[in-house]
Amino acid sequence: MSVTRPFKATDMFRFNHINLDLWTETYGINFYLGYLSRWPDLCSVEESPNGRMMGYILGKAEGQGTEWHGHITALTVAPEYRRLSLARKMIDYLERVSDNNYHGFFVDLYVRCTNTVAIGMYEGLGYSVYRRVREYYGSLGLGRNAKDEEDAFAFLHSVLPSANRRTALHDIDVGSAVSLIICLIACKILCLSAFTNEPYTAVYTANVFSALHHL
């Protein structure tokens, strides 16, 4: 059993037993205060009935205009409180806030490529890898000459949209989609003419670009 509450500035003096974990990043005080001042609704703590911190999550909203998404900056659970679905609970909370408060279309995050436990957890929650970032993480002092900069997997998970806003499907410009399809057809015909030397392909290509011009 745990209680979800907002992350407070004083929690920085209470999370040592959590941040001693090798995979957990510890930042400067200004970093935590910056998140709490800008995105307090995306920073939360799981607390035990006796008031001990069990885990926490730090997130932020990124984007501009109407295109926003949530980002998980830090997610960690104390070793003695793992396998209680606390990580899932905190991620669900952040996804709901990202959708309801910021109308975010997805949530993303970074994970060390060697953190197989976290990778398996995120994949089980529906997250997918969409790119690999070279040397995203700094050194842990474990490699040769204490240098072991590590790559990160960038994970992404779409968030179900709120009922009171349009989905990305409603915002599709049909004319642009048709134009793209015609361009692809024209390129394919040009490639065909280059290999076959057939004169009729040039006529077809001219007709395709004429149709594209009148869209």
N, C-alpha and C. Protein backbone atom coordinates (compact mmCIF):
# COMPACT_ATOMS: atom_id res chain seq x y z
N MET A 1 0.84 -1.19 0.00
CA MET A 1 0.00 0.00 0.00
C MET A 1 0.88 1.24 0.00
N SER A 2 0.53 2.21 -0.83
CA SER A 2 1.30 3.45 -0.89
C SER A 2 0.36 4.62 -1.13
N VAL A 3 0.86 5.80 -0.78
CA VAL A 3 0.11 7.03 -0.97
C VAL A 3 0.85 7.88 -2.00
N THR A 4 0.13 8.38 -2.99
CA THR A 4 0.72 9.26 -4.00
C THR A 4 0.55 10.70 -3.55
N ARG A 5 1.64 11.43 -3.54
CA ARG A 5 1.59 12.84 -3.16
C ARG A 5 2.59 13.63 -4.01
N PRO A 6 2.47 14.96 -4.05
CA PRO A 6 3.42 15.76 -4.82
C PRO A 6 4.84 15.67 -4.24
N PHE A 7 5.81 15.76 -5.12
CA PHE A 7 7.21 15.82 -4.71
C PHE A 7 7.47 17.20 -4.11
N LYS A 8 8.07 17.25 -2.92
CA LYS A 8 8.36 18.51 -2.24
C LYS A 8 9.86 18.75 -2.18
N ALA A 9 10.24 20.01 -2.02
CA ALA A 9 11.66 20.36 -1.96
C ALA A 9 12.36 19.64 -0.82
N THR A 10 11.67 19.45 0.30
CA THR A 10 12.28 18.79 1.45
C THR A 10 12.53 17.30 1.21
N ASP A 11 11.93 16.74 0.15
CA ASP A 11 12.17 15.33 -0.16
C ASP A 11 13.61 15.08 -0.60
N MET A 12 14.31 16.14 -1.01
CA MET A 12 15.71 15.98 -1.40
C MET A 12 16.58 15.56 -0.22
N PHE A 13 16.08 15.78 1.00
CA PHE A 13 16.82 15.38 2.20
C PHE A 13 16.36 14.02 2.72
N ARG A 14 15.45 13.38 1.97
CA ARG A 14 14.87 12.13 2.44
C ARG A 14 15.00 10.98 1.45
N PHE A 15 15.60 11.23 0.27
CA PHE A 15 15.61 10.17 -0.74
C PHE A 15 16.98 9.50 -0.91
N ASN A 16 17.86 9.65 0.08
CA ASN A 16 19.20 9.05 -0.04
C ASN A 16 19.14 7.54 -0.21
N HIS A 17 18.25 6.87 0.52
CA HIS A 17 18.17 5.41 0.43
C HIS A 17 17.67 4.96 -0.94
N ILE A 18 17.02 5.86 -1.69
CA ILE A 18 16.56 5.54 -3.04
C ILE A 18 17.67 5.82 -4.05
N ASN A 19 18.33 6.96 -3.92
CA ASN A 19 19.32 7.38 -4.90
C ASN A 19 20.66 6.66 -4.78
N LEU A 20 20.84 5.85 -3.76
CA LEU A 20 22.06 5.05 -3.67
C LEU A 20 22.08 3.94 -4.71
N ASP A 21 20.95 3.68 -5.33
CA ASP A 21 20.87 2.69 -6.40
C ASP A 21 21.78 3.10 -7.56
N LEU A 22 22.51 2.14 -8.13
CA LEU A 22 23.49 2.42 -9.18
C LEU A 22 22.86 3.05 -10.41
N TRP A 23 21.63 2.67 -10.75
CA TRP A 23 20.99 3.14 -11.97
C TRP A 23 20.30 4.50 -11.80
N THR A 24 20.23 5.00 -10.59
CA THR A 24 19.50 6.24 -10.33
C THR A 24 20.45 7.44 -10.42
N GLU A 25 20.08 8.40 -11.26
CA GLU A 25 20.87 9.61 -11.40
C GLU A 25 20.58 10.57 -10.24
N THR A 26 21.62 11.19 -9.70
CA THR A 26 21.46 12.21 -8.67
C THR A 26 21.91 13.55 -9.26
N TYR A 27 21.03 14.53 -9.19
CA TYR A 27 21.29 15.83 -9.81
C TYR A 27 21.56 16.88 -8.73
N GLY A 28 21.88 18.09 -9.19
CA GLY A 28 22.09 19.19 -8.28
C GLY A 28 20.77 19.74 -7.75
N ILE A 29 20.85 20.50 -6.66
CA ILE A 29 19.64 21.04 -6.03
C ILE A 29 18.87 21.91 -7.01
N ASN A 30 19.57 22.73 -7.78
CA ASN A 30 18.88 23.62 -8.72
C ASN A 30 18.08 22.84 -9.76
N PHE A 31 18.57 21.67 -10.12
CA PHE A 31 17.85 20.83 -11.09
C PHE A 31 16.49 20.43 -10.53
N TYR A 32 16.46 19.92 -9.31
CA TYR A 32 15.20 19.49 -8.70
C TYR A 32 14.26 20.68 -8.49
N LEU A 33 14.81 21.79 -8.01
CA LEU A 33 13.98 22.97 -7.76
C LEU A 33 13.40 23.51 -9.07
N GLY A 34 14.17 23.41 -10.15
CA GLY A 34 13.66 23.86 -11.44
C GLY A 34 12.45 23.06 -11.89
N TYR A 35 12.49 21.74 -11.69
CA TYR A 35 11.36 20.90 -12.05
C TYR A 35 10.15 21.19 -11.16
N LEU A 36 10.39 21.37 -9.88
CA LEU A 36 9.28 21.60 -8.96
C LEU A 36 8.62 22.95 -9.20
N SER A 37 9.38 23.92 -9.70
CA SER A 37 8.80 25.24 -9.95
C SER A 37 8.06 25.31 -11.28
N ARG A 38 8.50 24.53 -12.27
CA ARG A 38 7.90 24.60 -13.60
C ARG A 38 6.85 23.52 -13.85
N TRP A 39 7.10 22.31 -13.35
CA TRP A 39 6.17 21.19 -13.60
C TRP A 39 5.85 20.45 -12.30
N PRO A 40 5.32 21.13 -11.30
CA PRO A 40 5.04 20.46 -10.02
C PRO A 40 4.02 19.33 -10.15
N ASP A 41 3.12 19.44 -11.14
CA ASP A 41 2.09 18.41 -11.30
C ASP A 41 2.64 17.14 -11.94
N LEU A 42 3.85 17.19 -12.49
CA LEU A 42 4.46 16.01 -13.11
C LEU A 42 5.54 15.39 -12.23
N CYS A 43 5.62 15.83 -10.99
CA CYS A 43 6.61 15.30 -10.04
C CYS A 43 5.86 14.77 -8.82
N SER A 44 5.98 13.49 -8.57
CA SER A 44 5.22 12.89 -7.46
C SER A 44 6.06 11.86 -6.72
N VAL A 45 5.57 11.49 -5.55
CA VAL A 45 6.25 10.56 -4.65
C VAL A 45 5.27 9.47 -4.24
N GLU A 46 5.78 8.24 -4.12
CA GLU A 46 5.02 7.16 -3.50
C GLU A 46 5.54 7.00 -2.08
N GLU A 47 4.64 7.09 -1.12
CA GLU A 47 5.03 7.10 0.29
C GLU A 47 4.34 5.96 1.03
N SER A 48 5.06 5.33 1.95
CA SER A 48 4.50 4.24 2.74
C SER A 48 3.62 4.80 3.85
N PRO A 49 2.79 3.97 4.47
CA PRO A 49 1.93 4.45 5.56
C PRO A 49 2.70 5.07 6.73
N ASN A 50 3.96 4.65 6.92
CA ASN A 50 4.74 5.23 8.02
C ASN A 50 5.52 6.47 7.60
N GLY A 51 5.28 6.97 6.38
CA GLY A 51 5.89 8.21 5.93
C GLY A 51 7.23 8.06 5.24
N ARG A 52 7.68 6.84 4.96
CA ARG A 52 8.96 6.63 4.30
C ARG A 52 8.78 6.69 2.79
N MET A 53 9.69 7.40 2.10
CA MET A 53 9.62 7.48 0.64
C MET A 53 9.92 6.12 0.03
N MET A 54 9.05 5.67 -0.86
CA MET A 54 9.22 4.39 -1.52
C MET A 54 9.77 4.55 -2.94
N GLY A 55 9.47 5.67 -3.56
CA GLY A 55 9.94 5.96 -4.91
C GLY A 55 9.43 7.31 -5.35
N TYR A 56 9.93 7.78 -6.49
CA TYR A 56 9.47 9.07 -6.99
C TYR A 56 9.65 9.13 -8.51
N ILE A 57 8.96 10.09 -9.10
CA ILE A 57 9.07 10.32 -10.54
C ILE A 57 9.15 11.82 -10.79
N LEU A 58 10.02 12.21 -11.70
CA LEU A 58 10.16 13.60 -12.12
C LEU A 58 9.88 13.67 -13.62
N GLY A 59 8.98 14.55 -14.01
CA GLY A 59 8.65 14.67 -15.42
C GLY A 59 8.52 16.12 -15.82
N LYS A 60 8.39 16.32 -17.12
CA LYS A 60 8.21 17.67 -17.65
C LYS A 60 7.40 17.60 -18.93
N ALA A 61 6.92 18.77 -19.36
CA ALA A 61 6.17 18.88 -20.61
C ALA A 61 7.03 19.61 -21.63
N GLU A 62 7.10 19.06 -22.83
CA GLU A 62 7.91 19.64 -23.89
C GLU A 62 7.05 19.85 -25.13
N GLY A 63 7.35 20.91 -25.88
CA GLY A 63 6.64 21.16 -27.12
C GLY A 63 6.35 22.63 -27.31
N GLN A 64 5.50 22.93 -28.28
CA GLN A 64 5.09 24.29 -28.55
C GLN A 64 3.76 24.28 -29.29
N GLY A 65 3.06 25.41 -29.22
CA GLY A 65 1.76 25.49 -29.89
C GLY A 65 0.78 24.49 -29.32
N THR A 66 0.27 23.63 -30.19
CA THR A 66 -0.67 22.58 -29.77
C THR A 66 -0.02 21.21 -29.73
N GLU A 67 1.27 21.15 -30.00
CA GLU A 67 1.97 19.86 -30.06
C GLU A 67 2.87 19.71 -28.83
N TRP A 68 2.33 19.04 -27.82
CA TRP A 68 3.05 18.84 -26.57
C TRP A 68 3.16 17.35 -26.26
N HIS A 69 4.16 17.02 -25.47
CA HIS A 69 4.29 15.64 -24.99
C HIS A 69 4.93 15.66 -23.62
N GLY A 70 4.72 14.59 -22.88
CA GLY A 70 5.33 14.45 -21.57
C GLY A 70 6.67 13.74 -21.67
N HIS A 71 7.54 14.02 -20.73
CA HIS A 71 8.86 13.38 -20.70
C HIS A 71 9.17 12.93 -19.28
N ILE A 72 9.57 11.67 -19.13
CA ILE A 72 9.97 11.15 -17.82
C ILE A 72 11.47 11.35 -17.68
N THR A 73 11.85 12.22 -16.77
CA THR A 73 13.27 12.51 -16.55
C THR A 73 13.89 11.54 -15.55
N ALA A 74 13.17 11.23 -14.50
CA ALA A 74 13.68 10.32 -13.47
C ALA A 74 12.54 9.49 -12.92
N LEU A 75 12.79 8.20 -12.79
CA LEU A 75 11.83 7.27 -12.19
C LEU A 75 12.62 6.22 -11.42
N THR A 76 12.38 6.13 -10.13
CA THR A 76 13.14 5.18 -9.33
C THR A 76 12.33 4.73 -8.12
N VAL A 77 12.59 3.50 -7.72
CA VAL A 77 11.92 2.90 -6.56
C VAL A 77 13.00 2.30 -5.66
N ALA A 78 12.87 2.49 -4.37
CA ALA A 78 13.84 1.93 -3.42
C ALA A 78 13.86 0.41 -3.55
N PRO A 79 15.04 -0.21 -3.45
CA PRO A 79 15.14 -1.67 -3.63
C PRO A 79 14.18 -2.48 -2.77
N GLU A 80 13.94 -2.05 -1.55
CA GLU A 80 13.07 -2.82 -0.65
C GLU A 80 11.59 -2.71 -1.01
N TYR A 81 11.25 -1.81 -1.93
CA TYR A 81 9.84 -1.62 -2.30
C TYR A 81 9.57 -1.99 -3.76
N ARG A 82 10.48 -2.70 -4.38
CA ARG A 82 10.28 -3.07 -5.78
C ARG A 82 9.36 -4.28 -5.90
N ARG A 83 8.89 -4.50 -7.14
CA ARG A 83 7.94 -5.57 -7.46
C ARG A 83 6.60 -5.38 -6.76
N LEU A 84 6.24 -4.12 -6.53
CA LEU A 84 4.93 -3.78 -5.97
C LEU A 84 4.11 -2.95 -6.96
N SER A 85 4.58 -2.88 -8.20
CA SER A 85 3.91 -2.11 -9.27
C SER A 85 3.90 -0.62 -8.99
N LEU A 86 4.85 -0.14 -8.19
CA LEU A 86 4.91 1.29 -7.91
C LEU A 86 5.33 2.08 -9.15
N ALA A 87 6.26 1.54 -9.93
CA ALA A 87 6.69 2.23 -11.14
C ALA A 87 5.53 2.38 -12.11
N ARG A 88 4.76 1.33 -12.28
CA ARG A 88 3.59 1.39 -13.15
C ARG A 88 2.60 2.45 -12.66
N LYS A 89 2.40 2.51 -11.36
CA LYS A 89 1.47 3.48 -10.78
C LYS A 89 1.93 4.91 -11.05
N MET A 90 3.23 5.17 -10.89
CA MET A 90 3.74 6.52 -11.11
C MET A 90 3.70 6.90 -12.58
N ILE A 91 4.00 5.94 -13.46
CA ILE A 91 3.95 6.22 -14.90
C ILE A 91 2.52 6.51 -15.34
N ASP A 92 1.57 5.72 -14.84
CA ASP A 92 0.16 5.96 -15.17
C ASP A 92 -0.26 7.36 -14.74
N TYR A 93 0.20 7.75 -13.56
CA TYR A 93 -0.14 9.09 -13.05
C TYR A 93 0.42 10.17 -13.97
N LEU A 94 1.70 10.04 -14.35
CA LEU A 94 2.31 11.05 -15.21
C LEU A 94 1.64 11.09 -16.58
N GLU A 95 1.27 9.95 -17.12
CA GLU A 95 0.60 9.93 -18.43
C GLU A 95 -0.75 10.62 -18.36
N ARG A 96 -1.49 10.42 -17.28
CA ARG A 96 -2.79 11.08 -17.13
C ARG A 96 -2.63 12.59 -17.04
N VAL A 97 -1.66 13.04 -16.25
CA VAL A 97 -1.44 14.47 -16.11
C VAL A 97 -0.96 15.07 -17.43
N SER A 98 -0.09 14.36 -18.13
CA SER A 98 0.40 14.83 -19.42
C SER A 98 -0.74 15.02 -20.40
N ASP A 99 -1.70 14.11 -20.36
CA ASP A 99 -2.85 14.20 -21.27
C ASP A 99 -3.82 15.28 -20.82
N ASN A 100 -4.22 15.24 -19.55
CA ASN A 100 -5.27 16.14 -19.07
C ASN A 100 -4.81 17.59 -18.95
N ASN A 101 -3.59 17.81 -18.48
CA ASN A 101 -3.12 19.18 -18.23
C ASN A 101 -2.40 19.81 -19.41
N TYR A 102 -1.71 18.98 -20.21
CA TYR A 102 -0.90 19.52 -21.30
C TYR A 102 -1.34 19.04 -22.68
N HIS A 103 -2.34 18.17 -22.72
CA HIS A 103 -2.82 17.60 -23.99
C HIS A 103 -1.67 16.96 -24.77
N GLY A 104 -0.80 16.27 -24.06
CA GLY A 104 0.33 15.62 -24.71
C GLY A 104 -0.12 14.40 -25.51
N PHE A 105 0.49 14.23 -26.68
CA PHE A 105 0.14 13.10 -27.54
C PHE A 105 0.91 11.84 -27.18
N PHE A 106 2.06 12.00 -26.50
CA PHE A 106 2.84 10.83 -26.12
C PHE A 106 3.74 11.18 -24.95
N VAL A 107 4.36 10.16 -24.38
CA VAL A 107 5.35 10.33 -23.31
C VAL A 107 6.62 9.61 -23.75
N ASP A 108 7.77 10.26 -23.56
CA ASP A 108 9.03 9.61 -23.92
C ASP A 108 10.00 9.64 -22.75
N LEU A 109 11.10 8.91 -22.89
CA LEU A 109 12.09 8.80 -21.83
C LEU A 109 13.36 8.17 -22.39
N TYR A 110 14.43 8.21 -21.60
CA TYR A 110 15.70 7.59 -21.98
C TYR A 110 16.10 6.56 -20.94
N VAL A 111 16.70 5.46 -21.41
CA VAL A 111 17.15 4.38 -20.54
C VAL A 111 18.53 3.93 -20.99
N ARG A 112 19.40 3.65 -20.03
CA ARG A 112 20.71 3.09 -20.37
C ARG A 112 20.53 1.78 -21.13
N CYS A 113 21.32 1.59 -22.16
CA CYS A 113 21.19 0.39 -22.99
C CYS A 113 21.50 -0.89 -22.22
N THR A 114 22.23 -0.78 -21.12
CA THR A 114 22.57 -1.97 -20.33
C THR A 114 21.59 -2.22 -19.18
N ASN A 115 20.64 -1.33 -18.99
CA ASN A 115 19.67 -1.49 -17.90
C ASN A 115 18.53 -2.38 -18.38
N THR A 116 18.81 -3.67 -18.45
CA THR A 116 17.85 -4.61 -19.03
C THR A 116 16.57 -4.72 -18.22
N VAL A 117 16.66 -4.55 -16.91
CA VAL A 117 15.45 -4.64 -16.08
C VAL A 117 14.48 -3.51 -16.43
N ALA A 118 15.01 -2.28 -16.52
CA ALA A 118 14.16 -1.14 -16.86
C ALA A 118 13.62 -1.26 -18.27
N ILE A 119 14.45 -1.74 -19.20
CA ILE A 119 14.01 -1.90 -20.58
C ILE A 119 12.83 -2.87 -20.65
N GLY A 120 12.95 -3.99 -19.95
CA GLY A 120 11.86 -4.97 -19.93
C GLY A 120 10.60 -4.40 -19.32
N MET A 121 10.76 -3.59 -18.27
CA MET A 121 9.59 -2.99 -17.62
C MET A 121 8.86 -2.04 -18.56
N TYR A 122 9.62 -1.16 -19.23
CA TYR A 122 8.98 -0.19 -20.12
C TYR A 122 8.33 -0.87 -21.31
N GLU A 123 8.97 -1.90 -21.84
CA GLU A 123 8.36 -2.63 -22.95
C GLU A 123 7.07 -3.30 -22.49
N GLY A 124 7.05 -3.78 -21.26
CA GLY A 124 5.83 -4.39 -20.73
C GLY A 124 4.71 -3.39 -20.53
N LEU A 125 5.07 -2.11 -20.40
CA LEU A 125 4.07 -1.05 -20.24
C LEU A 125 3.66 -0.43 -21.57
N GLY A 126 4.16 -1.00 -22.67
CA GLY A 126 3.75 -0.52 -23.99
C GLY A 126 4.68 0.47 -24.64
N TYR A 127 5.83 0.74 -24.02
CA TYR A 127 6.80 1.67 -24.61
C TYR A 127 7.64 0.96 -25.66
N SER A 128 8.06 1.71 -26.68
CA SER A 128 8.85 1.15 -27.77
C SER A 128 10.08 2.01 -28.02
N VAL A 129 11.18 1.37 -28.39
CA VAL A 129 12.41 2.09 -28.73
C VAL A 129 12.26 2.70 -30.12
N TYR A 130 12.57 3.99 -30.25
CA TYR A 130 12.51 4.61 -31.57
C TYR A 130 13.85 5.18 -32.02
N ARG A 131 14.85 5.20 -31.15
CA ARG A 131 16.18 5.59 -31.58
C ARG A 131 17.19 5.29 -30.47
N ARG A 132 18.45 5.33 -30.84
CA ARG A 132 19.55 5.12 -29.89
C ARG A 132 20.42 6.38 -29.90
N VAL A 133 20.70 6.92 -28.72
CA VAL A 133 21.46 8.15 -28.59
C VAL A 133 22.86 7.82 -28.10
N ARG A 134 23.86 8.20 -28.86
CA ARG A 134 25.24 7.88 -28.52
C ARG A 134 25.73 8.68 -27.32
N GLU A 135 26.32 7.97 -26.35
CA GLU A 135 26.96 8.57 -25.18
C GLU A 135 26.07 9.60 -24.49
N TYR A 136 24.81 9.23 -24.32
CA TYR A 136 23.86 10.13 -23.66
C TYR A 136 24.16 10.25 -22.17
N TYR A 137 24.58 9.15 -21.56
CA TYR A 137 24.86 9.14 -20.13
C TYR A 137 26.34 9.35 -19.85
N GLY A 138 26.62 10.05 -18.77
CA GLY A 138 28.00 10.28 -18.36
C GLY A 138 28.60 9.04 -17.72
N SER A 139 29.84 9.17 -17.30
CA SER A 139 30.59 8.05 -16.76
C SER A 139 30.14 7.67 -15.35
N LEU A 140 30.10 6.36 -15.11
CA LEU A 140 29.87 5.85 -13.76
C LEU A 140 31.19 5.51 -13.07
N GLY A 141 32.30 5.69 -13.79
CA GLY A 141 33.60 5.37 -13.23
C GLY A 141 33.90 3.90 -13.18
N LEU A 142 33.26 3.11 -14.06
CA LEU A 142 33.43 1.66 -14.02
C LEU A 142 34.27 1.12 -15.17
N GLY A 143 34.43 1.88 -16.22
CA GLY A 143 35.12 1.38 -17.40
C GLY A 143 36.62 1.59 -17.33
N ARG A 144 37.29 1.34 -18.47
CA ARG A 144 38.72 1.54 -18.55
C ARG A 144 39.04 3.02 -18.33
N ASN A 145 40.00 3.28 -17.48
CA ASN A 145 40.37 4.65 -17.10
C ASN A 145 39.18 5.42 -16.53
N ALA A 146 38.26 4.67 -15.92
CA ALA A 146 37.07 5.26 -15.28
C ALA A 146 36.21 6.02 -16.28
N LYS A 147 36.23 5.59 -17.55
CA LYS A 147 35.41 6.22 -18.57
C LYS A 147 34.48 5.17 -19.18
N ASP A 148 33.21 5.35 -19.00
CA ASP A 148 32.26 4.39 -19.56
C ASP A 148 30.99 5.10 -20.02
N GLU A 149 31.16 6.22 -20.75
CA GLU A 149 29.99 6.91 -21.29
C GLU A 149 29.13 5.90 -22.03
N GLU A 150 27.84 5.99 -21.80
CA GLU A 150 26.96 4.93 -22.29
C GLU A 150 25.85 5.48 -23.18
N ASP A 151 25.48 4.68 -24.18
CA ASP A 151 24.37 5.04 -25.06
C ASP A 151 23.04 4.88 -24.31
N ALA A 152 22.03 5.53 -24.86
CA ALA A 152 20.69 5.43 -24.29
C ALA A 152 19.70 5.02 -25.36
N PHE A 153 18.71 4.23 -24.95
CA PHE A 153 17.56 3.94 -25.80
C PHE A 153 16.50 5.00 -25.51
N ALA A 154 15.96 5.59 -26.56
CA ALA A 154 14.86 6.54 -26.41
C ALA A 154 13.56 5.77 -26.60
N PHE A 155 12.74 5.76 -25.56
CA PHE A 155 11.46 5.06 -25.59
C PHE A 155 10.32 6.06 -25.78
N LEU A 156 9.24 5.58 -26.38
CA LEU A 156 8.07 6.42 -26.61
C LEU A 156 6.80 5.59 -26.43
N HIS A 157 5.78 6.23 -25.87
CA HIS A 157 4.48 5.57 -25.70
C HIS A 157 3.38 6.59 -25.96
N SER A 158 2.47 6.27 -26.86
CA SER A 158 1.38 7.19 -27.17
C SER A 158 0.39 7.23 -26.02
N VAL A 159 -0.21 8.40 -25.82
CA VAL A 159 -1.18 8.60 -24.75
C VAL A 159 -2.55 8.77 -25.38
N LEU A 160 -3.54 8.07 -24.86
CA LEU A 160 -4.90 8.21 -25.39
C LEU A 160 -5.36 9.64 -25.22
N PRO A 161 -5.89 10.26 -26.27
CA PRO A 161 -6.28 11.67 -26.19
C PRO A 161 -7.53 11.88 -25.36
N SER A 162 -7.64 13.07 -24.80
CA SER A 162 -8.83 13.45 -24.06
C SER A 162 -10.02 13.55 -25.01
N ALA A 163 -11.21 13.38 -24.46
CA ALA A 163 -12.41 13.42 -25.29
C ALA A 163 -12.70 14.82 -25.80
N ASN A 164 -12.14 15.85 -25.14
CA ASN A 164 -12.48 17.22 -25.51
C ASN A 164 -11.48 17.86 -26.46
N ARG A 165 -10.63 17.06 -27.11
CA ARG A 165 -9.72 17.64 -28.08
C ARG A 165 -9.60 16.73 -29.28
N ARG A 166 -9.14 17.30 -30.38
CA ARG A 166 -9.03 16.54 -31.61
C ARG A 166 -7.84 15.60 -31.56
N THR A 167 -7.96 14.48 -32.22
CA THR A 167 -6.84 13.57 -32.34
C THR A 167 -6.03 13.94 -33.56
N ALA A 168 -4.87 13.34 -33.66
CA ALA A 168 -4.01 13.63 -34.81
C ALA A 168 -4.69 13.23 -36.11
N LEU A 169 -5.56 12.20 -36.06
CA LEU A 169 -6.24 11.75 -37.27
C LEU A 169 -7.14 12.84 -37.84
N HIS A 170 -7.78 13.62 -36.95
CA HIS A 170 -8.68 14.66 -37.41
C HIS A 170 -7.92 15.83 -38.03
N ASP A 171 -6.64 15.94 -37.73
CA ASP A 171 -5.86 17.07 -38.22
C ASP A 171 -5.13 16.78 -39.52
N ILE A 172 -5.35 15.60 -40.08
CA ILE A 172 -4.64 15.25 -41.31
C ILE A 172 -5.15 16.10 -42.47
N ASP A 173 -4.26 16.68 -43.22
CA ASP A 173 -4.59 17.44 -44.42
C ASP A 173 -4.69 16.45 -45.57
N VAL A 174 -5.91 16.20 -46.04
CA VAL A 174 -6.12 15.20 -47.08
C VAL A 174 -5.40 15.59 -48.36
N GLY A 175 -5.42 16.88 -48.70
CA GLY A 175 -4.74 17.33 -49.91
C GLY A 175 -3.25 17.04 -49.86
N SER A 176 -2.64 17.26 -48.69
CA SER A 176 -1.20 16.99 -48.55
C SER A 176 -0.91 15.51 -48.69
N ALA A 177 -1.80 14.68 -48.14
CA ALA A 177 -1.60 13.24 -48.23
C ALA A 177 -1.67 12.77 -49.68
N VAL A 178 -2.65 13.30 -50.43
CA VAL A 178 -2.78 12.92 -51.84
C VAL A 178 -1.57 13.39 -52.63
N SER A 179 -1.09 14.59 -52.33
CA SER A 179 0.09 15.11 -53.02
C SER A 179 1.30 14.22 -52.79
N LEU A 180 1.45 13.76 -51.57
CA LEU A 180 2.58 12.89 -51.25
C LEU A 180 2.50 11.59 -52.03
N ILE A 181 1.30 11.02 -52.11
CA ILE A 181 1.13 9.76 -52.83
C ILE A 181 1.46 9.93 -54.31
N ILE A 182 1.00 11.04 -54.90
CA ILE A 182 1.26 11.29 -56.32
C ILE A 182 2.75 11.48 -56.56
N CYS A 183 3.42 12.17 -55.64
CA CYS A 183 4.87 12.36 -55.78
C CYS A 183 5.60 11.01 -55.76
N LEU A 184 5.17 10.13 -54.89
CA LEU A 184 5.79 8.81 -54.82
C LEU A 184 5.58 8.03 -56.11
N ILE A 185 4.37 8.13 -56.67
CA ILE A 185 4.09 7.45 -57.94
C ILE A 185 4.96 8.01 -59.05
N ALA A 186 5.09 9.34 -59.09
CA ALA A 186 5.90 9.97 -60.12
C ALA A 186 7.35 9.54 -60.03
N CYS A 187 7.87 9.47 -58.81
CA CYS A 187 9.26 9.05 -58.62
C CYS A 187 9.46 7.61 -59.09
N LYS A 188 8.46 6.77 -58.81
CA LYS A 188 8.56 5.38 -59.24
C LYS A 188 8.57 5.27 -60.76
N ILE A 189 7.74 6.09 -61.43
CA ILE A 189 7.70 6.06 -62.89
C ILE A 189 9.02 6.55 -63.48
N LEU A 190 9.59 7.60 -62.86
CA LEU A 190 10.87 8.10 -63.35
C LEU A 190 11.97 7.05 -63.23
N CYS A 191 11.96 6.33 -62.11
CA CYS A 191 12.95 5.26 -61.94
C CYS A 191 12.75 4.17 -62.98
N LEU A 192 11.48 3.87 -63.29
CA LEU A 192 11.18 2.85 -64.29
C LEU A 192 11.69 3.27 -65.66
N SER A 193 11.49 4.55 -66.00
CA SER A 193 11.92 5.03 -67.31
C SER A 193 13.43 5.01 -67.44
N ALA A 194 14.12 5.23 -66.34
CA ALA A 194 15.59 5.24 -66.38
C ALA A 194 16.15 3.87 -66.69
N PHE A 195 15.43 2.81 -66.29
CA PHE A 195 15.93 1.46 -66.49
C PHE A 195 15.38 0.80 -67.76
N THR A 196 14.23 1.27 -68.24
CA THR A 196 13.61 0.61 -69.40
C THR A 196 13.74 1.40 -70.68
N ASN A 197 13.98 2.73 -70.58
CA ASN A 197 14.06 3.60 -71.75
C ASN A 197 12.79 3.58 -72.58
N GLU A 198 11.66 3.29 -71.95
CA GLU A 198 10.38 3.27 -72.66
C GLU A 198 9.86 4.70 -72.78
N PRO A 199 9.45 5.14 -73.98
CA PRO A 199 9.01 6.53 -74.17
C PRO A 199 7.71 6.86 -73.45
N TYR A 200 6.83 5.83 -73.26
CA TYR A 200 5.53 6.13 -72.67
C TYR A 200 5.64 6.54 -71.20
N THR A 201 6.72 6.16 -70.54
CA THR A 201 6.85 6.52 -69.12
C THR A 201 7.00 8.03 -68.95
N ALA A 202 7.62 8.68 -69.92
CA ALA A 202 7.76 10.14 -69.84
C ALA A 202 6.40 10.81 -69.93
N VAL A 203 5.52 10.25 -70.76
CA VAL A 203 4.17 10.81 -70.89
C VAL A 203 3.40 10.64 -69.59
N TYR A 204 3.50 9.44 -68.99
CA TYR A 204 2.82 9.19 -67.73
C TYR A 204 3.33 10.13 -66.64
N THR A 205 4.63 10.35 -66.62
CA THR A 205 5.22 11.23 -65.62
C THR A 205 4.69 12.65 -65.76
N ALA A 206 4.61 13.12 -67.02
CA ALA A 206 4.10 14.48 -67.27
C ALA A 206 2.66 14.60 -66.79
N ASN A 207 1.85 13.57 -67.02
CA ASN A 207 0.46 13.60 -66.58
C ASN A 207 0.35 13.62 -65.06
N VAL A 208 1.22 12.87 -64.40
CA VAL A 208 1.20 12.82 -62.94
C VAL A 208 1.53 14.18 -62.35
N PHE A 209 2.59 14.81 -62.85
CA PHE A 209 2.97 16.12 -62.32
C PHE A 209 1.94 17.19 -62.67
N SER A 210 1.24 17.03 -63.78
CA SER A 210 0.17 17.95 -64.12
C SER A 210 -0.97 17.85 -63.12
N ALA A 211 -1.30 16.62 -62.73
CA ALA A 211 -2.35 16.43 -61.72
C ALA A 211 -1.92 17.00 -60.38
N LEU A 212 -0.65 16.83 -60.05
CA LEU A 212 -0.13 17.35 -58.79
C LEU A 212 -0.20 18.87 -58.77
N HIS A 213 0.06 19.51 -59.90
CA HIS A 213 0.05 20.96 -59.98
C HIS A 213 -1.34 21.54 -59.74
N HIS A 214 -2.38 20.78 -60.10
CA HIS A 214 -3.74 21.29 -59.98
C HIS A 214 -4.39 20.95 -58.64
N LEU A 215 -3.67 20.32 -57.73
CA LEU A 215 -4.25 20.02 -56.42
C LEU A 215 -4.38 21.28 -55.58
